[in-house]
Amino acid sequence: MDIEQRKAKIEERIAELTAQMRKISDDLDEPLPADLEDQAIDLEDDEVLSGLGLSHQKELRLLNGALMRIAGGSYGICAQCGDDISPERLDAVPYAVICRKCM
């Protein structure tokens, strides 16, 4: 996979996460039901959604960092030893900043 394909996959993932975060935000903005049992269930659901939203925010930051490294020409180069990060690692973790041996 070349750098442009990796960039496109990262941008695609950013779009997916952004759409999911918008949905989470909309779900969290819904008013609580009048029934107390339903409220308790909704509050538990909201807690899960909030955690998922935070996870998405973290992944977005990492992906945006990868895009910045692509623009700067340092994408795919280990920040610790300077060797290339393997394509397999970048396939699995597109925002990886260190190679497998430096982990």
N, C-alpha and C. Protein backbone atom coordinates (compact mmCIF):
# COMPACT_ATOMS: atom_id res chain seq x y z
N MET A 1 0.85 -1.18 0.00
CA MET A 1 0.00 0.00 0.00
C MET A 1 0.90 1.24 0.00
N ASP A 2 0.66 2.15 -0.93
CA ASP A 2 1.51 3.34 -0.98
C ASP A 2 0.97 4.41 -0.02
N ILE A 3 1.72 5.48 0.11
CA ILE A 3 1.41 6.53 1.09
C ILE A 3 0.06 7.19 0.82
N GLU A 4 -0.30 7.36 -0.44
CA GLU A 4 -1.59 7.97 -0.77
C GLU A 4 -2.75 7.07 -0.39
N GLN A 5 -2.56 5.76 -0.55
CA GLN A 5 -3.60 4.81 -0.14
C GLN A 5 -3.74 4.82 1.38
N ARG A 6 -2.62 4.89 2.08
CA ARG A 6 -2.67 4.95 3.55
C ARG A 6 -3.36 6.23 4.00
N LYS A 7 -3.02 7.33 3.33
CA LYS A 7 -3.66 8.62 3.67
C LYS A 7 -5.16 8.54 3.45
N ALA A 8 -5.59 7.94 2.35
CA ALA A 8 -7.02 7.81 2.06
C ALA A 8 -7.72 6.95 3.11
N LYS A 9 -7.06 5.86 3.54
CA LYS A 9 -7.66 5.00 4.58
C LYS A 9 -7.77 5.74 5.90
N ILE A 10 -6.76 6.53 6.23
CA ILE A 10 -6.80 7.31 7.47
C ILE A 10 -7.92 8.34 7.40
N GLU A 11 -8.04 9.03 6.28
CA GLU A 11 -9.11 10.02 6.11
C GLU A 11 -10.49 9.37 6.16
N GLU A 12 -10.59 8.16 5.61
CA GLU A 12 -11.85 7.42 5.66
C GLU A 12 -12.22 7.08 7.11
N ARG A 13 -11.22 6.64 7.88
CA ARG A 13 -11.46 6.31 9.29
C ARG A 13 -11.84 7.56 10.08
N ILE A 14 -11.21 8.68 9.78
CA ILE A 14 -11.55 9.94 10.44
C ILE A 14 -13.01 10.30 10.15
N ALA A 15 -13.44 10.13 8.91
CA ALA A 15 -14.83 10.43 8.56
C ALA A 15 -15.80 9.51 9.30
N GLU A 16 -15.45 8.21 9.41
CA GLU A 16 -16.29 7.26 10.15
C GLU A 16 -16.41 7.68 11.61
N LEU A 17 -15.28 7.98 12.24
CA LEU A 17 -15.28 8.36 13.65
C LEU A 17 -16.06 9.65 13.88
N THR A 18 -15.91 10.59 12.98
CA THR A 18 -16.62 11.87 13.11
C THR A 18 -18.12 11.65 13.03
N ALA A 19 -18.56 10.81 12.10
CA ALA A 19 -19.99 10.50 11.98
C ALA A 19 -20.50 9.79 13.23
N GLN A 20 -19.72 8.85 13.75
CA GLN A 20 -20.13 8.15 14.96
C GLN A 20 -20.20 9.09 16.15
N MET A 21 -19.26 10.03 16.23
CA MET A 21 -19.28 10.99 17.34
C MET A 21 -20.48 11.92 17.25
N ARG A 22 -20.85 12.29 16.03
CA ARG A 22 -22.04 13.11 15.85
C ARG A 22 -23.28 12.37 16.35
N LYS A 23 -23.37 11.07 16.03
CA LYS A 23 -24.50 10.24 16.47
C LYS A 23 -24.50 10.11 17.99
N ILE A 24 -23.33 9.90 18.57
CA ILE A 24 -23.23 9.80 20.02
C ILE A 24 -23.69 11.10 20.66
N SER A 25 -23.26 12.21 20.14
CA SER A 25 -23.65 13.52 20.67
C SER A 25 -25.16 13.71 20.59
N ASP A 26 -25.74 13.32 19.46
CA ASP A 26 -27.20 13.43 19.32
C ASP A 26 -27.91 12.54 20.33
N ASP A 27 -27.41 11.32 20.52
CA ASP A 27 -28.03 10.40 21.48
C ASP A 27 -27.92 10.94 22.91
N LEU A 28 -26.78 11.54 23.22
CA LEU A 28 -26.60 12.08 24.58
C LEU A 28 -27.47 13.31 24.83
N ASP A 29 -27.85 14.01 23.78
CA ASP A 29 -28.69 15.20 23.91
C ASP A 29 -30.16 14.89 24.08
N GLU A 30 -30.57 13.64 23.89
CA GLU A 30 -31.97 13.28 24.03
C GLU A 30 -32.39 13.41 25.49
N PRO A 31 -33.61 13.92 25.73
CA PRO A 31 -34.09 14.06 27.11
C PRO A 31 -34.34 12.69 27.75
N LEU A 32 -34.22 12.65 29.07
CA LEU A 32 -34.47 11.41 29.79
C LEU A 32 -35.97 11.12 29.83
N PRO A 33 -36.36 9.85 29.80
CA PRO A 33 -37.78 9.50 29.90
C PRO A 33 -38.31 9.78 31.30
N ALA A 34 -39.62 9.83 31.44
CA ALA A 34 -40.25 10.13 32.73
C ALA A 34 -40.11 8.97 33.72
N ASP A 35 -40.15 7.76 33.23
CA ASP A 35 -40.07 6.57 34.07
C ASP A 35 -38.67 6.43 34.68
N LEU A 36 -38.59 6.24 36.01
CA LEU A 36 -37.31 6.18 36.70
C LEU A 36 -36.46 4.98 36.27
N GLU A 37 -37.09 3.83 36.03
CA GLU A 37 -36.33 2.66 35.58
C GLU A 37 -35.72 2.92 34.21
N ASP A 38 -36.51 3.54 33.33
CA ASP A 38 -36.00 3.87 32.00
C ASP A 38 -34.89 4.91 32.09
N GLN A 39 -35.02 5.83 33.05
CA GLN A 39 -33.97 6.84 33.24
C GLN A 39 -32.66 6.17 33.65
N ALA A 40 -32.75 5.20 34.55
CA ALA A 40 -31.54 4.50 35.02
C ALA A 40 -30.86 3.79 33.85
N ILE A 41 -31.64 3.15 33.01
CA ILE A 41 -31.08 2.45 31.85
C ILE A 41 -30.44 3.46 30.90
N ASP A 42 -31.15 4.57 30.65
CA ASP A 42 -30.61 5.60 29.76
C ASP A 42 -29.32 6.20 30.30
N LEU A 43 -29.26 6.41 31.62
CA LEU A 43 -28.04 6.97 32.22
C LEU A 43 -26.86 6.00 32.07
N GLU A 44 -27.11 4.71 32.23
CA GLU A 44 -26.05 3.72 32.02
C GLU A 44 -25.60 3.73 30.56
N ASP A 45 -26.57 3.79 29.65
CA ASP A 45 -26.24 3.86 28.23
C ASP A 45 -25.42 5.11 27.91
N ASP A 46 -25.81 6.22 28.53
CA ASP A 46 -25.09 7.48 28.30
C ASP A 46 -23.63 7.38 28.77
N GLU A 47 -23.43 6.65 29.88
CA GLU A 47 -22.08 6.47 30.39
C GLU A 47 -21.22 5.69 29.38
N VAL A 48 -21.80 4.66 28.81
CA VAL A 48 -21.10 3.86 27.80
C VAL A 48 -20.81 4.73 26.57
N LEU A 49 -21.81 5.49 26.13
CA LEU A 49 -21.63 6.36 24.97
C LEU A 49 -20.55 7.41 25.22
N SER A 50 -20.51 7.96 26.41
CA SER A 50 -19.49 8.95 26.75
C SER A 50 -18.09 8.34 26.67
N GLY A 51 -17.95 7.14 27.19
CA GLY A 51 -16.66 6.46 27.12
C GLY A 51 -16.25 6.18 25.68
N LEU A 52 -17.22 5.77 24.88
CA LEU A 52 -16.94 5.52 23.47
C LEU A 52 -16.54 6.81 22.76
N GLY A 53 -17.22 7.90 23.09
CA GLY A 53 -16.88 9.20 22.51
C GLY A 53 -15.46 9.62 22.85
N LEU A 54 -15.05 9.39 24.09
CA LEU A 54 -13.68 9.73 24.50
C LEU A 54 -12.66 8.87 23.75
N SER A 55 -12.98 7.60 23.58
CA SER A 55 -12.11 6.72 22.82
C SER A 55 -11.98 7.18 21.37
N HIS A 56 -13.09 7.59 20.79
CA HIS A 56 -13.07 8.11 19.41
C HIS A 56 -12.24 9.38 19.32
N GLN A 57 -12.36 10.26 20.31
CA GLN A 57 -11.59 11.51 20.31
C GLN A 57 -10.09 11.21 20.33
N LYS A 58 -9.69 10.24 21.15
CA LYS A 58 -8.28 9.87 21.23
C LYS A 58 -7.80 9.32 19.89
N GLU A 59 -8.59 8.43 19.29
CA GLU A 59 -8.19 7.87 18.00
C GLU A 59 -8.11 8.96 16.93
N LEU A 60 -9.04 9.92 16.97
CA LEU A 60 -9.00 11.03 16.01
C LEU A 60 -7.71 11.83 16.15
N ARG A 61 -7.30 12.11 17.39
CA ARG A 61 -6.05 12.85 17.61
C ARG A 61 -4.86 12.08 17.02
N LEU A 62 -4.83 10.77 17.27
CA LEU A 62 -3.74 9.94 16.76
C LEU A 62 -3.74 9.90 15.23
N LEU A 63 -4.92 9.78 14.63
CA LEU A 63 -5.03 9.74 13.17
C LEU A 63 -4.63 11.08 12.55
N ASN A 64 -5.05 12.17 13.18
CA ASN A 64 -4.65 13.49 12.67
C ASN A 64 -3.14 13.68 12.79
N GLY A 65 -2.55 13.13 13.83
CA GLY A 65 -1.10 13.17 13.95
C GLY A 65 -0.43 12.40 12.82
N ALA A 66 -1.03 11.26 12.44
CA ALA A 66 -0.50 10.49 11.32
C ALA A 66 -0.58 11.29 10.03
N LEU A 67 -1.68 12.01 9.83
CA LEU A 67 -1.80 12.85 8.63
C LEU A 67 -0.74 13.95 8.62
N MET A 68 -0.45 14.51 9.80
CA MET A 68 0.59 15.54 9.88
C MET A 68 1.97 14.94 9.56
N ARG A 69 2.22 13.70 10.00
CA ARG A 69 3.49 13.05 9.67
C ARG A 69 3.57 12.74 8.18
N ILE A 70 2.44 12.39 7.57
CA ILE A 70 2.44 12.16 6.13
C ILE A 70 2.81 13.46 5.42
N ALA A 71 2.19 14.56 5.82
CA ALA A 71 2.47 15.86 5.21
C ALA A 71 3.93 16.27 5.42
N GLY A 72 4.47 15.92 6.58
CA GLY A 72 5.85 16.30 6.89
C GLY A 72 6.90 15.33 6.39
N GLY A 73 6.45 14.21 5.84
CA GLY A 73 7.39 13.24 5.28
C GLY A 73 7.99 12.27 6.29
N SER A 74 7.49 12.24 7.52
CA SER A 74 8.05 11.34 8.51
C SER A 74 7.15 10.15 8.82
N TYR A 75 6.05 10.02 8.10
CA TYR A 75 5.13 8.89 8.35
C TYR A 75 5.82 7.58 8.00
N GLY A 76 5.66 6.59 8.87
CA GLY A 76 6.23 5.28 8.62
C GLY A 76 7.68 5.14 9.06
N ILE A 77 8.20 6.18 9.70
CA ILE A 77 9.57 6.14 10.21
C ILE A 77 9.50 6.14 11.73
N CYS A 78 10.15 5.20 12.35
CA CYS A 78 10.13 5.06 13.81
C CYS A 78 10.70 6.31 14.47
N ALA A 79 9.96 6.87 15.40
CA ALA A 79 10.38 8.07 16.10
C ALA A 79 11.53 7.79 17.08
N GLN A 80 11.72 6.51 17.39
CA GLN A 80 12.76 6.18 18.35
C GLN A 80 14.08 5.81 17.69
N CYS A 81 14.05 4.89 16.71
CA CYS A 81 15.30 4.41 16.13
C CYS A 81 15.54 4.90 14.70
N GLY A 82 14.51 5.45 14.06
CA GLY A 82 14.67 5.97 12.71
C GLY A 82 14.50 4.94 11.60
N ASP A 83 14.29 3.67 11.97
CA ASP A 83 14.03 2.64 10.96
C ASP A 83 12.61 2.77 10.43
N ASP A 84 12.37 2.09 9.31
CA ASP A 84 11.01 2.06 8.77
C ASP A 84 10.11 1.23 9.67
N ILE A 85 8.86 1.68 9.82
CA ILE A 85 7.84 0.89 10.50
C ILE A 85 7.29 -0.06 9.44
N SER A 86 7.14 -1.33 9.78
CA SER A 86 6.72 -2.33 8.80
C SER A 86 5.32 -2.01 8.26
N PRO A 87 5.10 -2.32 6.99
CA PRO A 87 3.76 -2.11 6.41
C PRO A 87 2.67 -2.86 7.18
N GLU A 88 3.02 -4.05 7.69
CA GLU A 88 2.04 -4.83 8.46
C GLU A 88 1.62 -4.09 9.73
N ARG A 89 2.59 -3.45 10.38
CA ARG A 89 2.26 -2.68 11.60
C ARG A 89 1.40 -1.48 11.24
N LEU A 90 1.74 -0.81 10.16
CA LEU A 90 0.95 0.35 9.74
C LEU A 90 -0.45 -0.05 9.29
N ASP A 91 -0.57 -1.28 8.73
CA ASP A 91 -1.90 -1.78 8.38
C ASP A 91 -2.75 -1.95 9.64
N ALA A 92 -2.13 -2.48 10.69
CA ALA A 92 -2.84 -2.74 11.94
C ALA A 92 -3.05 -1.48 12.76
N VAL A 93 -2.03 -0.63 12.79
CA VAL A 93 -2.06 0.59 13.61
C VAL A 93 -1.58 1.74 12.72
N PRO A 94 -2.48 2.34 11.94
CA PRO A 94 -2.05 3.35 10.97
C PRO A 94 -1.43 4.60 11.58
N TYR A 95 -1.59 4.81 12.87
CA TYR A 95 -1.02 5.99 13.52
C TYR A 95 0.23 5.64 14.33
N ALA A 96 0.79 4.45 14.09
CA ALA A 96 1.97 4.01 14.83
C ALA A 96 3.13 5.00 14.64
N VAL A 97 3.83 5.31 15.73
CA VAL A 97 4.97 6.21 15.67
C VAL A 97 6.29 5.49 15.95
N ILE A 98 6.19 4.25 16.46
CA ILE A 98 7.39 3.48 16.71
C ILE A 98 7.25 2.10 16.07
N CYS A 99 8.38 1.52 15.72
CA CYS A 99 8.38 0.19 15.11
C CYS A 99 8.19 -0.87 16.19
N ARG A 100 8.00 -2.07 15.72
CA ARG A 100 7.73 -3.19 16.62
C ARG A 100 8.90 -3.48 17.57
N LYS A 101 10.12 -3.36 17.09
CA LYS A 101 11.26 -3.68 17.95
C LYS A 101 11.47 -2.62 19.03
N CYS A 102 10.98 -1.41 18.83
CA CYS A 102 11.13 -0.34 19.84
C CYS A 102 9.96 -0.31 20.84
N MET A 103 8.99 -1.16 20.63
CA MET A 103 7.84 -1.16 21.53
C MET A 103 8.20 -1.60 22.93
